[in-house]
Amino acid sequence: MFTKDRTFIRSISKLTGFTPVNVKLYRLAFSHKSFNQGDRYAQQNNERLEFLGDAVLGTIVAEYLFRKYPSRNEGFLTKMRAKIVKRKTLNFIADQMGLDVFLLHQGVGNVSNSMLGNALEAFIGAVYIDEGYDRTRNFVVYKILREYIDIEKLELMDDNYKSQLLEYCQKHGKPISYQLLAKSKVDNRDRFLVSVRVDNESLATGEDFSKKSAEQLASKDALNVLKKQDDRINVSDNRS
């Protein structure tokens, strides 16, 4: 697939709704650092575009939510933005958009979920450089947010386990801290092992390709531990 620029341009146009001008930018958006072919893309990868796309996406989502919820406070808007731009959501959207095909074409052998989310951000960065803010905003709002995200359902969802754990600890007067136990390399990517301590006791660990994600996993398991402890206490109290 994509043996000619014409085919690649057609595929990009189908996703964005407009014809790309700088085709090289879009090819670069799907060039991952794990793959080195020795060709003209070998010395470059999509990390810089990913950095830019992350910032542009955050701004567009913030503006979108600001206009959609004129009476909601900053805390609500911040939580909603975090739900939309978090890695899990971006990975899902990129998968639904079929961005794995573009990564495979650029030579990536095994496409992971995190690669998909990163490629989506890089793709947005490429659109921004190629087309400017207004067209990028329209692309994100109409081709991403409204196509792949159920905003109303997202309002009711709370999977920020780190925030939930922090609220629990504040409510019960328990100190909480996170500790990086190990950092390793898996498939040329950093992998983090994190421990969460509540009331000076190590309750759970989490491991993932980002420190934040590892903390979320550890927090989720810690909440389950605390819930079981509370259930046992409640059962004991009822028997007394």
Protein backbone atom coordinates (compact mmCIF):
# COMPACT_ATOMS: atom_id res chain seq x y z
CA MET A 1 0.00 0.00 0.00
CA PHE A 2 1.06 3.64 -0.53
CA THR A 3 3.55 2.69 -3.27
CA LYS A 4 2.93 6.10 -4.80
CA ASP A 5 2.44 9.51 -3.25
CA ARG A 6 -0.94 9.72 -4.95
CA THR A 7 -2.26 6.75 -2.97
CA PHE A 8 -0.82 8.11 0.27
CA ILE A 9 -2.33 11.56 -0.38
CA ARG A 10 -5.72 9.98 -1.08
CA SER A 11 -5.58 8.07 2.20
CA ILE A 12 -4.64 11.18 4.19
CA SER A 13 -7.37 13.20 2.44
CA LYS A 14 -9.95 10.59 3.41
CA LEU A 15 -9.04 11.06 7.07
CA THR A 16 -8.80 14.84 7.12
CA GLY A 17 -11.31 15.95 4.50
CA PHE A 18 -8.73 18.01 2.58
CA THR A 19 -5.73 17.41 0.35
CA PRO A 20 -2.36 17.68 2.13
CA VAL A 21 0.21 20.09 0.73
CA ASN A 22 3.45 18.92 2.40
CA VAL A 23 3.32 15.15 1.97
CA LYS A 24 6.70 14.69 3.66
CA LEU A 25 5.26 16.01 6.92
CA TYR A 26 2.60 13.31 6.99
CA ARG A 27 5.07 10.57 6.20
CA LEU A 28 7.23 11.85 9.04
CA ALA A 29 4.21 11.78 11.38
CA PHE A 30 4.12 7.99 10.99
CA SER A 31 7.89 7.41 11.20
CA HIS A 32 8.59 5.89 14.61
CA LYS A 33 12.03 6.05 16.24
CA SER A 34 12.13 2.26 16.64
CA PHE A 35 12.50 1.80 12.91
CA ASN A 36 15.62 2.79 10.98
CA GLN A 37 15.59 1.97 7.31
CA GLY A 38 18.66 3.90 6.29
CA ASP A 39 16.62 5.99 3.86
CA ARG A 40 15.75 9.69 3.90
CA TYR A 41 13.48 9.25 6.93
CA ALA A 42 16.02 7.28 8.95
CA GLN A 43 17.51 10.25 10.76
CA GLN A 44 14.08 11.61 11.67
CA ASN A 45 11.06 10.39 13.57
CA ASN A 46 7.69 11.69 14.67
CA GLU A 47 8.65 12.79 18.20
CA ARG A 48 8.89 16.52 17.40
CA LEU A 49 5.54 16.46 15.59
CA GLU A 50 4.10 14.49 18.51
CA PHE A 51 5.28 17.21 20.91
CA LEU A 52 3.63 19.90 18.79
CA GLY A 53 0.45 17.90 18.20
CA ASP A 54 0.04 17.28 21.92
CA ALA A 55 0.11 21.04 22.61
CA VAL A 56 -2.22 21.88 19.71
CA LEU A 57 -4.67 19.14 20.67
CA GLY A 58 -4.78 20.35 24.27
CA THR A 59 -5.57 23.91 23.13
CA ILE A 60 -8.29 22.83 20.70
CA VAL A 61 -9.95 20.54 23.25
CA ALA A 62 -9.82 23.30 25.89
CA GLU A 63 -11.49 25.75 23.50
CA TYR A 64 -14.09 23.16 22.47
CA LEU A 65 -15.03 22.42 26.07
CA PHE A 66 -15.04 26.12 27.00
CA ARG A 67 -17.64 26.80 24.30
CA LYS A 68 -19.65 23.61 24.89
CA TYR A 69 -19.99 24.12 28.66
CA PRO A 70 -20.40 27.90 29.23
CA SER A 71 -21.61 27.47 32.82
CA ARG A 72 -19.20 24.80 34.10
CA ASN A 73 -16.24 25.68 36.31
CA GLU A 74 -12.51 25.27 35.71
CA GLY A 75 -12.29 22.02 37.67
CA PHE A 76 -14.91 20.32 35.48
CA LEU A 77 -13.30 21.57 32.27
CA THR A 78 -9.86 20.40 33.42
CA LYS A 79 -11.14 16.90 34.22
CA MET A 80 -12.97 16.64 30.91
CA ARG A 81 -9.92 17.73 28.95
CA ALA A 82 -7.78 15.17 30.81
CA LYS A 83 -10.26 12.40 29.92
CA ILE A 84 -10.12 13.31 26.23
CA VAL A 85 -6.37 13.79 25.77
CA LYS A 86 -5.24 10.91 27.98
CA ARG A 87 -3.22 8.15 26.37
CA LYS A 88 -5.95 5.48 26.56
CA THR A 89 -8.44 7.67 24.69
CA LEU A 90 -5.94 8.69 22.01
CA ASN A 91 -4.89 5.06 21.50
CA PHE A 92 -8.54 4.08 20.98
CA ILE A 93 -9.20 6.92 18.52
CA ALA A 94 -6.05 6.17 16.52
CA ASP A 95 -7.03 2.50 16.32
CA GLN A 96 -10.53 3.39 15.10
CA MET A 97 -9.03 5.73 12.49
CA GLY A 98 -6.80 2.92 11.20
CA LEU A 99 -3.52 4.71 11.81
CA ASP A 100 -1.79 1.36 12.31
CA VAL A 101 -1.80 0.94 8.52
CA PHE A 102 0.24 4.13 8.11
CA LEU A 103 2.73 3.04 10.77
CA LEU A 104 3.13 -0.39 9.19
CA HIS A 105 3.78 1.22 5.83
CA GLN A 106 6.54 3.34 7.33
CA GLY A 107 8.27 0.16 8.49
CA VAL A 108 7.09 -0.33 12.09
CA GLY A 109 7.01 -4.08 12.64
CA ASN A 110 4.88 -4.33 15.78
CA VAL A 111 2.45 -1.48 16.39
CA SER A 112 1.71 -0.98 20.09
CA ASN A 113 -1.17 1.01 21.55
CA SER A 114 1.15 3.77 22.71
CA MET A 115 2.57 4.09 19.19
CA LEU A 116 -0.96 4.66 17.90
CA GLY A 117 -1.69 7.49 20.34
CA ASN A 118 1.68 9.10 19.66
CA ALA A 119 1.11 8.86 15.91
CA LEU A 120 -2.27 10.59 16.28
CA GLU A 121 -0.62 13.50 18.08
CA ALA A 122 2.11 13.65 15.43
CA PHE A 123 -0.57 13.55 12.73
CA ILE A 124 -2.31 16.52 14.34
CA GLY A 125 1.04 18.31 14.49
CA ALA A 126 1.53 17.70 10.78
CA VAL A 127 -1.93 19.06 9.97
CA TYR A 128 -1.19 22.16 12.03
CA ILE A 129 2.11 22.89 10.25
CA ASP A 130 0.60 22.12 6.85
CA GLU A 131 -2.79 23.84 7.19
CA GLY A 132 -2.74 26.21 10.17
CA TYR A 133 -4.80 26.43 13.34
CA ASP A 134 -8.33 26.95 11.98
CA ARG A 135 -8.26 23.95 9.68
CA THR A 136 -6.62 21.83 12.38
CA ARG A 137 -9.33 22.84 14.85
CA ASN A 138 -12.04 21.83 12.38
CA PHE A 139 -10.30 18.52 11.76
CA VAL A 140 -10.00 17.75 15.48
CA VAL A 141 -13.56 18.83 16.32
CA TYR A 142 -15.45 17.32 13.39
CA LYS A 143 -13.26 14.37 12.41
CA ILE A 144 -12.09 13.28 15.87
CA LEU A 145 -14.13 14.60 18.80
CA ARG A 146 -17.55 14.28 17.20
CA GLU A 147 -16.74 11.07 15.34
CA TYR A 148 -15.11 9.01 18.07
CA ILE A 149 -15.94 10.49 21.48
CA ASP A 150 -19.25 10.33 23.36
CA ILE A 151 -18.89 13.52 25.40
CA GLU A 152 -22.04 12.96 27.46
CA LYS A 153 -20.92 9.45 28.41
CA LEU A 154 -17.47 10.79 29.20
CA GLU A 155 -18.98 13.25 31.69
CA LEU A 156 -20.16 10.36 33.87
CA MET A 157 -16.93 8.38 33.63
CA ASP A 158 -14.28 8.72 36.30
CA ASP A 159 -11.25 6.54 35.70
CA ASN A 160 -8.68 8.92 37.16
CA TYR A 161 -7.70 6.46 39.88
CA LYS A 162 -4.84 8.61 41.13
CA SER A 163 -7.25 11.46 41.80
CA GLN A 164 -9.73 9.09 43.48
CA LEU A 165 -6.99 7.68 45.70
CA LEU A 166 -5.80 11.17 46.63
CA GLU A 167 -9.36 12.15 47.62
CA TYR A 168 -9.71 8.98 49.70
CA CYS A 169 -6.45 9.65 51.53
CA GLN A 170 -7.34 13.28 52.19
CA LYS A 171 -10.72 12.24 53.53
CA HIS A 172 -9.20 9.68 55.91
CA GLY A 173 -6.10 11.68 56.83
CA LYS A 174 -3.67 9.18 55.34
CA PRO A 175 -0.36 10.29 53.74
CA ILE A 176 0.22 9.07 50.19
CA SER A 177 3.37 8.89 48.07
CA TYR A 178 4.60 7.30 44.84
CA GLN A 179 8.01 5.75 44.31
CA LEU A 180 9.74 4.79 41.08
CA LEU A 181 11.03 1.27 41.71
CA ALA A 182 12.58 0.54 38.32
CA LYS A 183 13.03 1.88 34.82
CA SER A 184 13.82 -0.54 32.03
CA LYS A 185 13.91 -0.77 28.25
CA VAL A 186 11.39 -2.85 26.32
CA ASP A 187 11.43 -2.69 22.51
CA ASN A 188 13.59 0.45 22.71
CA ARG A 189 11.01 2.17 24.92
CA ASP A 190 11.21 3.15 28.58
CA ARG A 191 9.05 1.08 30.93
CA PHE A 192 8.35 2.23 34.49
CA LEU A 193 7.58 0.24 37.64
CA VAL A 194 5.95 2.41 40.30
CA SER A 195 4.86 1.73 43.89
CA VAL A 196 2.18 3.62 45.80
CA ARG A 197 2.40 3.94 49.59
CA VAL A 198 -0.59 4.84 51.75
CA ASP A 199 -0.10 5.57 55.43
CA ASN A 200 3.54 4.43 55.06
CA GLU A 201 2.47 1.03 53.71
CA SER A 202 3.17 -0.16 50.18
CA LEU A 203 -0.25 -1.14 48.84
CA ALA A 204 0.27 -1.76 45.13
CA THR A 205 2.55 -1.43 42.13
CA GLY A 206 1.93 -0.54 38.51
CA GLU A 207 4.03 -0.94 35.38
CA ASP A 208 3.63 0.72 31.98
CA PHE A 209 5.41 2.69 29.27
CA SER A 210 4.77 6.04 30.95
CA LYS A 211 5.24 6.98 34.58
CA LYS A 212 1.79 8.56 34.76
CA SER A 213 0.12 5.45 33.40
CA ALA A 214 2.05 3.25 35.85
CA GLU A 215 0.87 5.48 38.72
CA GLN A 216 -2.72 5.14 37.51
CA LEU A 217 -2.46 1.34 37.47
CA ALA A 218 -0.93 1.30 40.94
CA SER A 219 -3.63 3.65 42.21
CA LYS A 220 -6.39 1.46 40.81
CA ASP A 221 -5.05 -1.62 42.61
CA ALA A 222 -4.51 0.39 45.80
CA LEU A 223 -8.14 1.53 45.75
CA ASN A 224 -9.26 -2.09 45.46
CA VAL A 225 -7.09 -3.01 48.46
CA LEU A 226 -8.50 -0.14 50.52
CA LYS A 227 -12.07 -1.04 49.53
CA LYS A 228 -11.56 -4.62 50.72
CA GLN A 229 -10.08 -3.33 53.99
CA ASP A 230 -13.07 -1.03 54.50
CA ASP A 231 -15.50 -3.86 53.73
CA ARG A 232 -13.84 -6.07 56.35
CA ILE A 233 -14.04 -3.26 58.91
CA ASN A 234 -17.72 -2.70 58.12
CA VAL A 235 -18.49 -6.40 58.48
CA SER A 236 -16.64 -6.50 61.80
CA ASP A 237 -18.53 -3.46 63.07
CA ASN A 238 -21.89 -4.95 62.09
CA ARG A 239 -21.10 -8.12 64.04
CA SER A 240 -20.18 -6.18 67.17
